[in-house]
Amino acid sequence: MEPALRAQGLNDWERFARSWDDLGLDTYMADGGRYRRRRHGAYAVTDAAIMRKPHQPHYQSRDYNPLNGGIERWFQPIAPAIGGHPALLGILRLAFRIFDALTPAPTRPAAWHVEVHQFRVEARSGQPGQPTPEGLHRDGVDWVLVLLVARHGVASGATDILDLEHRPLGRFVLTDPMDTALVDDARVFHGVTPITPLEPHGTGHRDVLVVTFRR
C-alpha cells in the first residue's frame, strides 16, 4: 500500500498519524462506552478534484447500525490541516481509482459522496475496546476502505468478512501502518473483534481511518 499511496501524493505520514492524538470522545455510544474517539468529514470526489463539503452529521439507519443508528450524529470535524493533508488526499485519490473502476460505467456518479472517519478505540484492563460495537454489519454505502494508522499495546482486533448468508469468508488482522481492507459493502458483512491490552494492567489503542464511498 505504501508505494501505491505515495504514487498518489502521500507524504508527511508521521504528522498525519499524530493527528489521532487529538480526537474527540464519541458521546453517541448507546452501550454507554467511553472507549472510542473520532473526527469526521465529508467530500465530493471526482477524477478531477477532491472538494471538502460543509461539516455535516453522520447518519446511518437502524437497518445498518442497530446500536447507534437512527439519529444524526455530529462529531468534531477533521482538523483543516488534516482534511487537506497530502496523506489523506493520496488515500482518497487511490480509493477513487479503485472504487470508480470497480463500479459499472452506467452507475458511476458524476461525483462520489465520501465520508472520512478518524477512529481511535482504546482498551484498558478489564475494559476491552470495541472497534465495531454494532457487531457484524454493512455500512449502507457502496465501498469502504479501512486503513490502519497505528496499533499500540493491544491484542486481537481481527477483521471478519462474511457473505450475505453470514458464511465466513476470511479473517485477518491489520498489523502495520497502511495495512488496508477494501470492502464491497453490498456483498459482504464485516466486523472487528474487541481489542484488549497486551499488559495485564496496561492500556492501548487501535487507530484507523475509515473512508466510505456512496453514489
N, C-alpha and C. Protein backbone atom coordinates (compact mmCIF):
# COMPACT_ATOMS: atom_id res chain seq x y z
N MET A 1 0.82 -1.22 0.00
CA MET A 1 0.00 0.00 0.00
C MET A 1 0.85 1.26 0.00
N GLU A 2 1.98 1.24 0.72
CA GLU A 2 2.75 2.49 0.81
C GLU A 2 3.21 2.98 -0.57
N PRO A 3 3.81 2.13 -1.41
CA PRO A 3 4.18 2.63 -2.75
C PRO A 3 2.97 3.11 -3.54
N ALA A 4 1.85 2.40 -3.44
CA ALA A 4 0.66 2.82 -4.18
C ALA A 4 0.16 4.17 -3.70
N LEU A 5 0.19 4.39 -2.39
CA LEU A 5 -0.28 5.66 -1.85
C LEU A 5 0.69 6.80 -2.16
N ARG A 6 1.98 6.53 -2.07
CA ARG A 6 2.95 7.58 -2.39
C ARG A 6 2.86 7.98 -3.85
N ALA A 7 2.49 7.06 -4.72
CA ALA A 7 2.31 7.39 -6.13
C ALA A 7 1.13 8.35 -6.32
N GLN A 8 0.22 8.41 -5.32
CA GLN A 8 -0.91 9.32 -5.38
C GLN A 8 -0.67 10.60 -4.56
N GLY A 9 0.56 10.78 -4.07
CA GLY A 9 0.91 12.03 -3.41
C GLY A 9 1.05 11.96 -1.90
N LEU A 10 0.89 10.78 -1.31
CA LEU A 10 1.03 10.69 0.15
C LEU A 10 2.45 11.03 0.58
N ASN A 11 2.55 11.92 1.58
CA ASN A 11 3.83 12.16 2.26
C ASN A 11 3.53 12.73 3.64
N ASP A 12 4.57 12.96 4.43
CA ASP A 12 4.43 13.50 5.78
C ASP A 12 3.51 12.61 6.63
N TRP A 13 3.71 11.31 6.50
CA TRP A 13 2.86 10.35 7.21
C TRP A 13 2.90 10.55 8.72
N GLU A 14 4.07 10.86 9.27
CA GLU A 14 4.21 10.95 10.73
C GLU A 14 3.29 12.03 11.30
N ARG A 15 3.23 13.19 10.67
CA ARG A 15 2.36 14.26 11.18
C ARG A 15 0.89 13.87 11.02
N PHE A 16 0.57 13.23 9.92
CA PHE A 16 -0.79 12.76 9.70
C PHE A 16 -1.19 11.78 10.81
N ALA A 17 -0.34 10.82 11.11
CA ALA A 17 -0.66 9.82 12.13
C ALA A 17 -0.78 10.44 13.52
N ARG A 18 0.01 11.48 13.80
CA ARG A 18 -0.06 12.11 15.13
C ARG A 18 -1.40 12.80 15.37
N SER A 19 -2.11 13.12 14.30
CA SER A 19 -3.39 13.81 14.50
C SER A 19 -4.42 12.93 15.21
N TRP A 20 -4.18 11.63 15.27
CA TRP A 20 -5.08 10.74 16.02
C TRP A 20 -4.97 10.97 17.53
N ASP A 21 -3.96 11.71 17.96
CA ASP A 21 -3.86 12.06 19.39
C ASP A 21 -4.80 13.20 19.77
N ASP A 22 -5.53 13.75 18.80
CA ASP A 22 -6.39 14.91 19.04
C ASP A 22 -7.81 14.65 18.52
N LEU A 23 -8.39 13.55 18.95
CA LEU A 23 -9.76 13.22 18.55
C LEU A 23 -10.70 13.40 19.74
N GLY A 24 -11.93 13.80 19.43
CA GLY A 24 -12.93 13.99 20.48
C GLY A 24 -13.62 12.70 20.86
N LEU A 25 -14.12 12.63 22.08
CA LEU A 25 -14.82 11.46 22.57
C LEU A 25 -16.12 11.26 21.80
N ASP A 26 -16.39 10.02 21.40
CA ASP A 26 -17.67 9.67 20.77
C ASP A 26 -18.71 9.56 21.88
N THR A 27 -19.60 10.54 21.96
CA THR A 27 -20.59 10.58 23.04
C THR A 27 -21.93 9.96 22.64
N TYR A 28 -21.98 9.32 21.47
CA TYR A 28 -23.23 8.75 20.97
C TYR A 28 -23.31 7.24 21.19
N MET A 29 -22.44 6.68 21.99
CA MET A 29 -22.39 5.24 22.14
C MET A 29 -23.56 4.75 22.99
N ALA A 30 -24.49 4.03 22.36
CA ALA A 30 -25.68 3.56 23.06
C ALA A 30 -25.36 2.49 24.09
N ASP A 31 -24.18 1.88 23.99
CA ASP A 31 -23.78 0.89 25.01
C ASP A 31 -23.16 1.55 26.23
N GLY A 32 -23.10 2.89 26.24
CA GLY A 32 -22.53 3.61 27.37
C GLY A 32 -21.01 3.65 27.37
N GLY A 33 -20.38 3.09 26.34
CA GLY A 33 -18.93 3.02 26.31
C GLY A 33 -18.28 4.38 26.12
N ARG A 34 -17.10 4.51 26.68
CA ARG A 34 -16.29 5.72 26.53
C ARG A 34 -14.90 5.34 26.01
N TYR A 35 -14.88 4.38 25.10
CA TYR A 35 -13.62 3.82 24.61
C TYR A 35 -13.32 4.26 23.17
N ARG A 36 -14.17 5.08 22.58
CA ARG A 36 -13.97 5.44 21.18
C ARG A 36 -13.89 6.94 21.00
N ARG A 37 -12.89 7.38 20.22
CA ARG A 37 -12.71 8.78 19.87
C ARG A 37 -12.74 8.90 18.35
N ARG A 38 -13.21 10.06 17.85
CA ARG A 38 -13.31 10.17 16.40
C ARG A 38 -13.45 11.62 15.94
N ARG A 39 -13.15 11.83 14.67
CA ARG A 39 -13.48 13.04 13.93
C ARG A 39 -14.04 12.61 12.57
N HIS A 40 -14.74 13.53 11.92
CA HIS A 40 -15.49 13.17 10.72
C HIS A 40 -15.44 14.30 9.71
N GLY A 41 -15.44 13.95 8.43
CA GLY A 41 -15.51 14.93 7.36
C GLY A 41 -16.17 14.33 6.14
N ALA A 42 -16.70 15.18 5.26
CA ALA A 42 -17.36 14.74 4.03
C ALA A 42 -16.76 15.45 2.83
N TYR A 43 -16.71 14.72 1.70
CA TYR A 43 -16.07 15.22 0.49
C TYR A 43 -16.90 14.85 -0.73
N ALA A 44 -16.71 15.61 -1.78
CA ALA A 44 -17.15 15.22 -3.13
C ALA A 44 -15.88 14.89 -3.91
N VAL A 45 -15.83 13.68 -4.46
CA VAL A 45 -14.60 13.22 -5.11
C VAL A 45 -14.91 12.83 -6.55
N THR A 46 -14.13 13.40 -7.45
CA THR A 46 -14.20 13.06 -8.87
C THR A 46 -12.79 12.77 -9.36
N ASP A 47 -12.67 12.39 -10.62
CA ASP A 47 -11.35 12.15 -11.19
C ASP A 47 -10.53 13.44 -11.22
N ALA A 48 -11.21 14.58 -11.28
CA ALA A 48 -10.51 15.85 -11.44
C ALA A 48 -10.25 16.58 -10.13
N ALA A 49 -11.05 16.31 -9.10
CA ALA A 49 -10.95 17.15 -7.90
C ALA A 49 -11.44 16.42 -6.66
N ILE A 50 -10.92 16.86 -5.52
CA ILE A 50 -11.40 16.44 -4.21
C ILE A 50 -11.82 17.70 -3.48
N MET A 51 -13.13 17.83 -3.23
CA MET A 51 -13.66 19.03 -2.61
C MET A 51 -14.28 18.68 -1.26
N ARG A 52 -13.84 19.38 -0.22
CA ARG A 52 -14.44 19.14 1.09
C ARG A 52 -15.81 19.82 1.16
N LYS A 53 -16.78 19.11 1.69
CA LYS A 53 -18.13 19.65 1.85
C LYS A 53 -18.25 20.34 3.20
N PRO A 54 -19.26 21.20 3.37
CA PRO A 54 -19.51 21.78 4.69
C PRO A 54 -19.72 20.68 5.72
N HIS A 55 -19.34 20.98 6.96
CA HIS A 55 -19.47 19.97 8.01
C HIS A 55 -20.92 19.54 8.15
N GLN A 56 -21.13 18.26 8.32
CA GLN A 56 -22.47 17.69 8.35
C GLN A 56 -22.50 16.50 9.29
N PRO A 57 -23.71 16.08 9.69
CA PRO A 57 -23.78 14.93 10.59
C PRO A 57 -23.54 13.62 9.84
N HIS A 58 -23.17 12.63 10.61
CA HIS A 58 -23.09 11.26 10.09
C HIS A 58 -24.40 10.56 10.45
N TYR A 59 -25.01 9.92 9.46
CA TYR A 59 -26.30 9.26 9.70
C TYR A 59 -26.27 7.86 9.12
N GLN A 60 -26.71 6.88 9.91
CA GLN A 60 -26.96 5.52 9.45
C GLN A 60 -28.34 5.11 9.96
N SER A 61 -29.09 4.42 9.12
CA SER A 61 -30.38 3.91 9.59
C SER A 61 -30.14 2.74 10.55
N ARG A 62 -31.16 2.43 11.33
CA ARG A 62 -31.05 1.29 12.24
C ARG A 62 -31.00 -0.03 11.50
N ASP A 63 -31.35 -0.03 10.23
CA ASP A 63 -31.20 -1.24 9.43
C ASP A 63 -29.73 -1.63 9.31
N TYR A 64 -28.86 -0.62 9.28
CA TYR A 64 -27.43 -0.89 9.14
C TYR A 64 -26.67 -0.77 10.46
N ASN A 65 -27.15 0.04 11.37
CA ASN A 65 -26.49 0.20 12.67
C ASN A 65 -27.56 0.18 13.76
N PRO A 66 -27.93 -1.02 14.22
CA PRO A 66 -29.00 -1.10 15.22
C PRO A 66 -28.61 -0.52 16.58
N LEU A 67 -27.30 -0.38 16.83
CA LEU A 67 -26.87 0.16 18.12
C LEU A 67 -26.93 1.68 18.15
N ASN A 68 -26.28 2.33 17.18
CA ASN A 68 -26.13 3.78 17.21
C ASN A 68 -26.83 4.50 16.07
N GLY A 69 -27.55 3.77 15.23
CA GLY A 69 -28.19 4.38 14.07
C GLY A 69 -29.51 5.07 14.43
N GLY A 70 -30.11 5.67 13.39
CA GLY A 70 -31.41 6.29 13.54
C GLY A 70 -31.40 7.73 13.99
N ILE A 71 -30.22 8.29 14.23
CA ILE A 71 -30.12 9.68 14.64
C ILE A 71 -28.97 10.35 13.89
N GLU A 72 -29.03 11.67 13.80
CA GLU A 72 -27.89 12.42 13.27
C GLU A 72 -26.82 12.53 14.34
N ARG A 73 -25.61 12.12 13.99
CA ARG A 73 -24.51 12.18 14.95
C ARG A 73 -23.51 13.23 14.48
N TRP A 74 -23.37 14.27 15.28
CA TRP A 74 -22.46 15.37 14.95
C TRP A 74 -21.14 15.15 15.69
N PHE A 75 -20.13 14.77 14.96
CA PHE A 75 -18.80 14.59 15.53
C PHE A 75 -17.94 15.82 15.26
N GLN A 76 -16.89 15.97 16.01
CA GLN A 76 -15.95 17.05 15.73
C GLN A 76 -15.44 16.91 14.30
N PRO A 77 -15.31 18.02 13.58
CA PRO A 77 -14.79 17.93 12.21
C PRO A 77 -13.31 17.57 12.19
N ILE A 78 -12.91 16.92 11.14
CA ILE A 78 -11.48 16.69 10.92
C ILE A 78 -10.80 18.05 10.82
N ALA A 79 -9.70 18.21 11.51
CA ALA A 79 -9.00 19.49 11.54
C ALA A 79 -8.62 19.93 10.12
N PRO A 80 -8.69 21.23 9.82
CA PRO A 80 -8.40 21.69 8.45
C PRO A 80 -7.05 21.22 7.93
N ALA A 81 -6.03 21.23 8.79
CA ALA A 81 -4.70 20.83 8.33
C ALA A 81 -4.65 19.36 7.94
N ILE A 82 -5.50 18.55 8.56
CA ILE A 82 -5.55 17.12 8.24
C ILE A 82 -6.53 16.86 7.10
N GLY A 83 -7.60 17.64 7.05
CA GLY A 83 -8.58 17.47 5.98
C GLY A 83 -8.02 17.71 4.60
N GLY A 84 -6.98 18.54 4.51
CA GLY A 84 -6.32 18.78 3.24
C GLY A 84 -4.90 18.25 3.20
N HIS A 85 -4.56 17.38 4.13
CA HIS A 85 -3.19 16.85 4.22
C HIS A 85 -2.89 15.94 3.03
N PRO A 86 -1.65 15.97 2.51
CA PRO A 86 -1.33 15.14 1.35
C PRO A 86 -1.51 13.64 1.60
N ALA A 87 -1.37 13.19 2.85
CA ALA A 87 -1.61 11.77 3.12
C ALA A 87 -3.07 11.42 2.89
N LEU A 88 -3.97 12.24 3.43
CA LEU A 88 -5.39 11.98 3.26
C LEU A 88 -5.80 12.10 1.80
N LEU A 89 -5.32 13.12 1.12
CA LEU A 89 -5.67 13.30 -0.29
C LEU A 89 -5.16 12.14 -1.14
N GLY A 90 -3.96 11.63 -0.81
CA GLY A 90 -3.44 10.47 -1.53
C GLY A 90 -4.30 9.24 -1.33
N ILE A 91 -4.77 9.06 -0.08
CA ILE A 91 -5.66 7.92 0.21
C ILE A 91 -6.96 8.06 -0.58
N LEU A 92 -7.53 9.27 -0.61
CA LEU A 92 -8.77 9.47 -1.34
C LEU A 92 -8.59 9.27 -2.84
N ARG A 93 -7.47 9.71 -3.38
CA ARG A 93 -7.22 9.51 -4.81
C ARG A 93 -7.12 8.03 -5.14
N LEU A 94 -6.38 7.27 -4.33
CA LEU A 94 -6.24 5.85 -4.61
C LEU A 94 -7.57 5.13 -4.45
N ALA A 95 -8.32 5.47 -3.40
CA ALA A 95 -9.63 4.85 -3.21
C ALA A 95 -10.53 5.14 -4.40
N PHE A 96 -10.52 6.38 -4.88
CA PHE A 96 -11.34 6.71 -6.05
C PHE A 96 -10.96 5.86 -7.25
N ARG A 97 -9.67 5.73 -7.51
CA ARG A 97 -9.24 4.98 -8.69
C ARG A 97 -9.67 3.51 -8.60
N ILE A 98 -9.62 2.95 -7.40
CA ILE A 98 -10.03 1.56 -7.23
C ILE A 98 -11.55 1.43 -7.34
N PHE A 99 -12.26 2.21 -6.55
CA PHE A 99 -13.71 2.03 -6.45
C PHE A 99 -14.44 2.48 -7.71
N ASP A 100 -13.99 3.57 -8.31
CA ASP A 100 -14.66 4.04 -9.53
C ASP A 100 -14.48 3.01 -10.65
N ALA A 101 -13.30 2.41 -10.74
CA ALA A 101 -13.06 1.41 -11.79
C ALA A 101 -13.89 0.15 -11.56
N LEU A 102 -14.16 -0.19 -10.30
CA LEU A 102 -14.95 -1.39 -9.99
C LEU A 102 -16.45 -1.17 -10.16
N THR A 103 -16.87 0.06 -10.30
CA THR A 103 -18.29 0.39 -10.45
C THR A 103 -18.68 0.37 -11.92
N PRO A 104 -19.73 -0.38 -12.29
CA PRO A 104 -20.14 -0.41 -13.71
C PRO A 104 -20.37 1.01 -14.25
N ALA A 105 -19.89 1.25 -15.43
CA ALA A 105 -19.93 2.60 -16.01
C ALA A 105 -21.31 3.23 -15.97
N PRO A 106 -22.40 2.50 -16.27
CA PRO A 106 -23.72 3.16 -16.27
C PRO A 106 -24.16 3.66 -14.89
N THR A 107 -23.56 3.14 -13.83
CA THR A 107 -23.98 3.53 -12.48
C THR A 107 -22.97 4.42 -11.77
N ARG A 108 -21.90 4.79 -12.44
CA ARG A 108 -20.91 5.67 -11.82
C ARG A 108 -21.50 7.07 -11.65
N PRO A 109 -21.37 7.67 -10.47
CA PRO A 109 -21.88 9.03 -10.28
C PRO A 109 -20.94 10.06 -10.88
N ALA A 110 -21.47 11.24 -11.12
CA ALA A 110 -20.60 12.34 -11.57
C ALA A 110 -19.61 12.70 -10.48
N ALA A 111 -20.05 12.60 -9.22
CA ALA A 111 -19.17 12.83 -8.07
C ALA A 111 -19.59 11.87 -6.97
N TRP A 112 -18.62 11.25 -6.33
CA TRP A 112 -18.90 10.35 -5.21
C TRP A 112 -19.08 11.16 -3.92
N HIS A 113 -20.07 10.76 -3.12
CA HIS A 113 -20.18 11.31 -1.76
C HIS A 113 -19.28 10.44 -0.87
N VAL A 114 -18.30 11.07 -0.27
CA VAL A 114 -17.29 10.35 0.50
C VAL A 114 -17.30 10.87 1.94
N GLU A 115 -17.34 9.95 2.89
CA GLU A 115 -17.22 10.32 4.30
C GLU A 115 -15.94 9.72 4.85
N VAL A 116 -15.25 10.50 5.66
CA VAL A 116 -13.96 10.12 6.22
C VAL A 116 -14.07 10.15 7.74
N HIS A 117 -13.64 9.08 8.37
CA HIS A 117 -13.72 8.96 9.83
C HIS A 117 -12.35 8.64 10.39
N GLN A 118 -11.89 9.45 11.32
CA GLN A 118 -10.72 9.10 12.13
C GLN A 118 -11.23 8.43 13.40
N PHE A 119 -10.79 7.21 13.65
CA PHE A 119 -11.21 6.45 14.83
C PHE A 119 -10.01 6.09 15.70
N ARG A 120 -10.16 6.28 16.99
CA ARG A 120 -9.26 5.66 17.96
C ARG A 120 -10.11 4.85 18.93
N VAL A 121 -9.84 3.55 19.05
CA VAL A 121 -10.50 2.69 20.01
C VAL A 121 -9.49 2.33 21.09
N GLU A 122 -9.85 2.60 22.33
CA GLU A 122 -8.95 2.43 23.47
C GLU A 122 -9.31 1.18 24.26
N ALA A 123 -8.31 0.53 24.82
CA ALA A 123 -8.51 -0.66 25.66
C ALA A 123 -7.78 -0.46 26.98
N ARG A 124 -8.46 -0.84 28.06
CA ARG A 124 -7.89 -0.78 29.40
C ARG A 124 -8.09 -2.11 30.10
N SER A 125 -7.40 -2.30 31.20
CA SER A 125 -7.56 -3.52 31.97
C SER A 125 -9.02 -3.71 32.37
N GLY A 126 -9.60 -4.82 31.99
CA GLY A 126 -10.99 -5.09 32.31
C GLY A 126 -11.98 -4.35 31.45
N GLN A 127 -11.51 -3.53 30.50
CA GLN A 127 -12.39 -2.75 29.64
C GLN A 127 -11.90 -2.86 28.19
N PRO A 128 -12.26 -3.94 27.50
CA PRO A 128 -11.85 -4.07 26.10
C PRO A 128 -12.46 -2.98 25.25
N GLY A 129 -11.78 -2.63 24.18
CA GLY A 129 -12.30 -1.67 23.23
C GLY A 129 -13.03 -2.38 22.11
N GLN A 130 -14.13 -1.79 21.64
CA GLN A 130 -14.97 -2.40 20.61
C GLN A 130 -14.84 -1.60 19.30
N PRO A 131 -14.03 -2.07 18.35
CA PRO A 131 -13.95 -1.33 17.08
C PRO A 131 -15.28 -1.28 16.33
N THR A 132 -16.08 -2.35 16.44
CA THR A 132 -17.40 -2.36 15.80
C THR A 132 -18.43 -2.81 16.82
N PRO A 133 -18.84 -1.91 17.72
CA PRO A 133 -19.77 -2.30 18.78
C PRO A 133 -21.13 -2.76 18.26
N GLU A 134 -21.47 -2.39 17.02
CA GLU A 134 -22.72 -2.85 16.44
C GLU A 134 -22.65 -4.28 15.94
N GLY A 135 -21.46 -4.91 16.01
CA GLY A 135 -21.29 -6.28 15.57
C GLY A 135 -21.04 -6.37 14.07
N LEU A 136 -21.22 -7.57 13.54
CA LEU A 136 -21.08 -7.76 12.10
C LEU A 136 -22.14 -6.92 11.40
N HIS A 137 -21.72 -6.19 10.37
CA HIS A 137 -22.64 -5.21 9.79
C HIS A 137 -22.25 -4.87 8.37
N ARG A 138 -23.15 -4.17 7.69
CA ARG A 138 -22.86 -3.44 6.48
C ARG A 138 -23.06 -1.96 6.79
N ASP A 139 -22.43 -1.09 6.01
CA ASP A 139 -22.47 0.34 6.30
C ASP A 139 -23.54 1.09 5.52
N GLY A 140 -24.18 0.43 4.54
CA GLY A 140 -25.20 1.13 3.75
C GLY A 140 -24.62 2.07 2.72
N VAL A 141 -23.41 1.77 2.25
CA VAL A 141 -22.75 2.57 1.22
C VAL A 141 -22.39 1.64 0.06
N ASP A 142 -21.57 2.12 -0.87
CA ASP A 142 -21.13 1.26 -1.97
C ASP A 142 -19.80 0.59 -1.67
N TRP A 143 -18.85 1.37 -1.17
CA TRP A 143 -17.50 0.86 -0.95
C TRP A 143 -16.95 1.39 0.36
N VAL A 144 -16.08 0.60 0.99
CA VAL A 144 -15.46 1.00 2.26
C VAL A 144 -13.97 0.71 2.20
N LEU A 145 -13.17 1.66 2.64
CA LEU A 145 -11.73 1.47 2.83
C LEU A 145 -11.44 1.62 4.32
N VAL A 146 -10.74 0.66 4.88
CA VAL A 146 -10.31 0.71 6.28
C VAL A 146 -8.79 0.61 6.30
N LEU A 147 -8.14 1.67 6.75
CA LEU A 147 -6.67 1.75 6.72
C LEU A 147 -6.15 1.87 8.15
N LEU A 148 -5.24 0.98 8.53
CA LEU A 148 -4.65 1.05 9.85
C LEU A 148 -3.63 2.18 9.91
N VAL A 149 -3.76 3.00 10.93
CA VAL A 149 -2.80 4.07 11.17
C VAL A 149 -1.78 3.64 12.22
N ALA A 150 -2.25 3.00 13.30
CA ALA A 150 -1.33 2.56 14.35
C ALA A 150 -2.02 1.57 15.27
N ARG A 151 -1.22 0.69 15.87
CA ARG A 151 -1.65 -0.18 16.96
C ARG A 151 -0.61 -0.04 18.06
N HIS A 152 -1.07 0.23 19.28
CA HIS A 152 -0.14 0.37 20.40
C HIS A 152 -0.65 -0.45 21.58
N GLY A 153 0.10 -1.48 21.96
CA GLY A 153 -0.16 -2.20 23.19
C GLY A 153 -1.45 -2.97 23.25
N VAL A 154 -1.94 -3.46 22.11
CA VAL A 154 -3.20 -4.20 22.13
C VAL A 154 -3.07 -5.53 21.41
N ALA A 155 -3.93 -6.46 21.81
CA ALA A 155 -4.05 -7.75 21.15
C ALA A 155 -5.39 -7.83 20.45
N SER A 156 -5.48 -8.75 19.49
CA SER A 156 -6.69 -9.04 18.72
C SER A 156 -7.04 -7.87 17.81
N GLY A 157 -8.33 -7.56 17.64
CA GLY A 157 -8.73 -6.62 16.61
C GLY A 157 -8.71 -7.28 15.25
N ALA A 158 -9.23 -8.52 15.18
CA ALA A 158 -9.26 -9.26 13.92
C ALA A 158 -10.50 -8.85 13.11
N THR A 159 -10.29 -8.64 11.83
CA THR A 159 -11.39 -8.31 10.92
C THR A 159 -12.00 -9.60 10.37
N ASP A 160 -13.32 -9.72 10.51
CA ASP A 160 -14.06 -10.85 9.96
C ASP A 160 -14.87 -10.39 8.75
N ILE A 161 -14.85 -11.19 7.69
CA ILE A 161 -15.63 -10.93 6.49
C ILE A 161 -16.57 -12.12 6.27
N LEU A 162 -17.87 -11.83 6.11
CA LEU A 162 -18.87 -12.87 5.89
C LEU A 162 -19.71 -12.52 4.67
N ASP A 163 -20.22 -13.54 4.00
CA ASP A 163 -21.10 -13.26 2.87
C ASP A 163 -22.49 -12.91 3.38
N LEU A 164 -23.41 -12.67 2.46
CA LEU A 164 -24.75 -12.20 2.85
C LEU A 164 -25.57 -13.27 3.56
N GLU A 165 -25.10 -14.52 3.50
CA GLU A 165 -25.73 -15.61 4.25
C GLU A 165 -25.02 -15.84 5.59
N HIS A 166 -24.12 -14.92 5.93
CA HIS A 166 -23.34 -14.98 7.17
C HIS A 166 -22.39 -16.18 7.21
N ARG A 167 -21.95 -16.62 6.05
CA ARG A 167 -20.93 -17.67 5.99
C ARG A 167 -19.56 -17.00 5.97
N PRO A 168 -18.63 -17.45 6.84
CA PRO A 168 -17.31 -16.81 6.92
C PRO A 168 -16.55 -16.93 5.60
N LEU A 169 -15.97 -15.81 5.21
CA LEU A 169 -15.12 -15.77 4.02
C LEU A 169 -13.65 -15.58 4.37
N GLY A 170 -13.37 -14.94 5.49
CA GLY A 170 -11.98 -14.72 5.86
C GLY A 170 -11.85 -13.96 7.15
N ARG A 171 -10.67 -14.07 7.77
CA ARG A 171 -10.33 -13.32 8.98
C ARG A 171 -8.87 -12.91 8.87
N PHE A 172 -8.58 -11.65 9.22
CA PHE A 172 -7.21 -11.15 9.17
C PHE A 172 -7.07 -10.02 10.18
N VAL A 173 -5.84 -9.70 10.52
CA VAL A 173 -5.55 -8.60 11.44
C VAL A 173 -4.71 -7.56 10.70
N LEU A 174 -5.18 -6.32 10.72
CA LEU A 174 -4.36 -5.22 10.21
C LEU A 174 -3.31 -4.92 11.26
N THR A 175 -2.05 -5.13 10.93
CA THR A 175 -0.99 -5.06 11.93
C THR A 175 -0.03 -3.90 11.74
N ASP A 176 0.22 -3.50 10.50
CA ASP A 176 1.23 -2.49 10.22
C ASP A 176 0.59 -1.23 9.63
N PRO A 177 1.17 -0.05 9.90
CA PRO A 177 0.63 1.17 9.32
C PRO A 177 0.44 1.05 7.81
N MET A 178 -0.72 1.48 7.35
CA MET A 178 -1.15 1.46 5.95
C MET A 178 -1.69 0.11 5.50
N ASP A 179 -1.67 -0.93 6.36
CA ASP A 179 -2.43 -2.14 6.03
C ASP A 179 -3.87 -1.73 5.78
N THR A 180 -4.49 -2.27 4.76
CA THR A 180 -5.79 -1.77 4.31
C THR A 180 -6.73 -2.91 3.94
N ALA A 181 -7.99 -2.74 4.30
CA ALA A 181 -9.06 -3.61 3.83
C ALA A 181 -9.97 -2.81 2.91
N LEU A 182 -10.34 -3.40 1.78
CA LEU A 182 -11.26 -2.79 0.82
C LEU A 182 -12.52 -3.66 0.79
N VAL A 183 -13.67 -3.05 1.01
CA VAL A 183 -14.90 -3.80 1.22
C VAL A 183 -15.96 -3.39 0.20
N ASP A 184 -16.55 -4.40 -0.47
CA ASP A 184 -17.71 -4.20 -1.33
C ASP A 184 -18.93 -4.34 -0.42
N ASP A 185 -19.48 -3.21 0.01
CA ASP A 185 -20.46 -3.22 1.10
C ASP A 185 -21.77 -3.92 0.71
N ALA A 186 -22.09 -3.97 -0.57
CA ALA A 186 -23.33 -4.62 -0.98
C ALA A 186 -23.23 -6.15 -0.93
N ARG A 187 -22.01 -6.68 -0.84
CA ARG A 187 -21.81 -8.12 -0.99
C ARG A 187 -21.38 -8.82 0.28
N VAL A 188 -20.91 -8.08 1.28
CA VAL A 188 -20.39 -8.75 2.48
C VAL A 188 -20.73 -7.98 3.75
N PHE A 189 -20.72 -8.72 4.86
CA PHE A 189 -20.73 -8.14 6.19
C PHE A 189 -19.29 -8.09 6.68
N HIS A 190 -19.00 -7.12 7.56
CA HIS A 190 -17.68 -7.08 8.17
C HIS A 190 -17.80 -6.65 9.62
N GLY A 191 -16.81 -6.99 10.40
CA GLY A 191 -16.75 -6.61 11.81
C GLY A 191 -15.35 -6.85 12.33
N VAL A 192 -15.06 -6.28 13.50
CA VAL A 192 -13.73 -6.39 14.10
C VAL A 192 -13.89 -6.84 15.54
N THR A 193 -13.10 -7.83 15.95
CA THR A 193 -13.19 -8.34 17.31
C THR A 193 -12.64 -7.33 18.31
N PRO A 194 -13.06 -7.40 19.58
CA PRO A 194 -12.58 -6.45 20.59
C PRO A 194 -11.06 -6.49 20.75
N ILE A 195 -10.51 -5.35 21.13
CA ILE A 195 -9.08 -5.28 21.44
C ILE A 195 -8.91 -5.27 22.96
N THR A 196 -7.83 -5.88 23.41
CA THR A 196 -7.50 -5.93 24.84
C THR A 196 -6.05 -5.51 25.03
N PRO A 197 -5.70 -4.98 26.22
CA PRO A 197 -4.31 -4.58 26.45
C PRO A 197 -3.37 -5.78 26.45
N LEU A 198 -2.17 -5.59 25.91
CA LEU A 198 -1.16 -6.64 25.96
C LEU A 198 -0.68 -6.89 27.38
N GLU A 199 -0.58 -5.83 28.17
CA GLU A 199 -0.15 -5.96 29.55
C GLU A 199 -1.36 -6.08 30.46
N PRO A 200 -1.29 -6.93 31.51
CA PRO A 200 -2.47 -7.18 32.37
C PRO A 200 -3.10 -5.91 32.92
N HIS A 201 -2.28 -4.94 33.29
CA HIS A 201 -2.82 -3.69 33.85
C HIS A 201 -2.49 -2.49 32.97
N GLY A 202 -2.27 -2.76 31.69
CA GLY A 202 -1.86 -1.70 30.79
C GLY A 202 -3.02 -1.09 30.02
N THR A 203 -2.68 -0.22 29.10
CA THR A 203 -3.63 0.40 28.19
C THR A 203 -3.09 0.30 26.78
N GLY A 204 -3.93 0.51 25.82
CA GLY A 204 -3.50 0.51 24.43
C GLY A 204 -4.59 1.09 23.55
N HIS A 205 -4.30 1.21 22.28
CA HIS A 205 -5.31 1.72 21.35
C HIS A 205 -5.04 1.25 19.93
N ARG A 206 -6.08 1.34 19.12
CA ARG A 206 -6.03 0.99 17.70
C ARG A 206 -6.58 2.17 16.91
N ASP A 207 -5.76 2.74 16.02
CA ASP A 207 -6.14 3.90 15.23
C ASP A 207 -6.39 3.48 13.78
N VAL A 208 -7.55 3.83 13.25
CA VAL A 208 -7.84 3.53 11.85
C VAL A 208 -8.48 4.73 11.18
N LEU A 209 -8.33 4.76 9.87
CA LEU A 209 -9.04 5.70 9.01
C LEU A 209 -10.06 4.88 8.23
N VAL A 210 -11.33 5.28 8.29
CA VAL A 210 -12.39 4.62 7.52
C VAL A 210 -12.92 5.62 6.51
N VAL A 211 -12.96 5.19 5.25
CA VAL A 211 -13.43 6.04 4.16
C VAL A 211 -14.55 5.29 3.45
N THR A 212 -15.72 5.92 3.32
CA THR A 212 -16.83 5.30 2.61
C THR A 212 -17.19 6.09 1.35
N PHE A 213 -17.49 5.36 0.28
CA PHE A 213 -17.90 5.95 -0.99
C PHE A 213 -19.35 5.56 -1.25
N ARG A 214 -20.18 6.56 -1.55
CA ARG A 214 -21.59 6.31 -1.82
C ARG A 214 -22.04 7.11 -3.03
N ARG A 215 -22.83 6.48 -3.89
CA ARG A 215 -23.36 7.18 -5.06
C ARG A 215 -24.43 8.19 -4.68
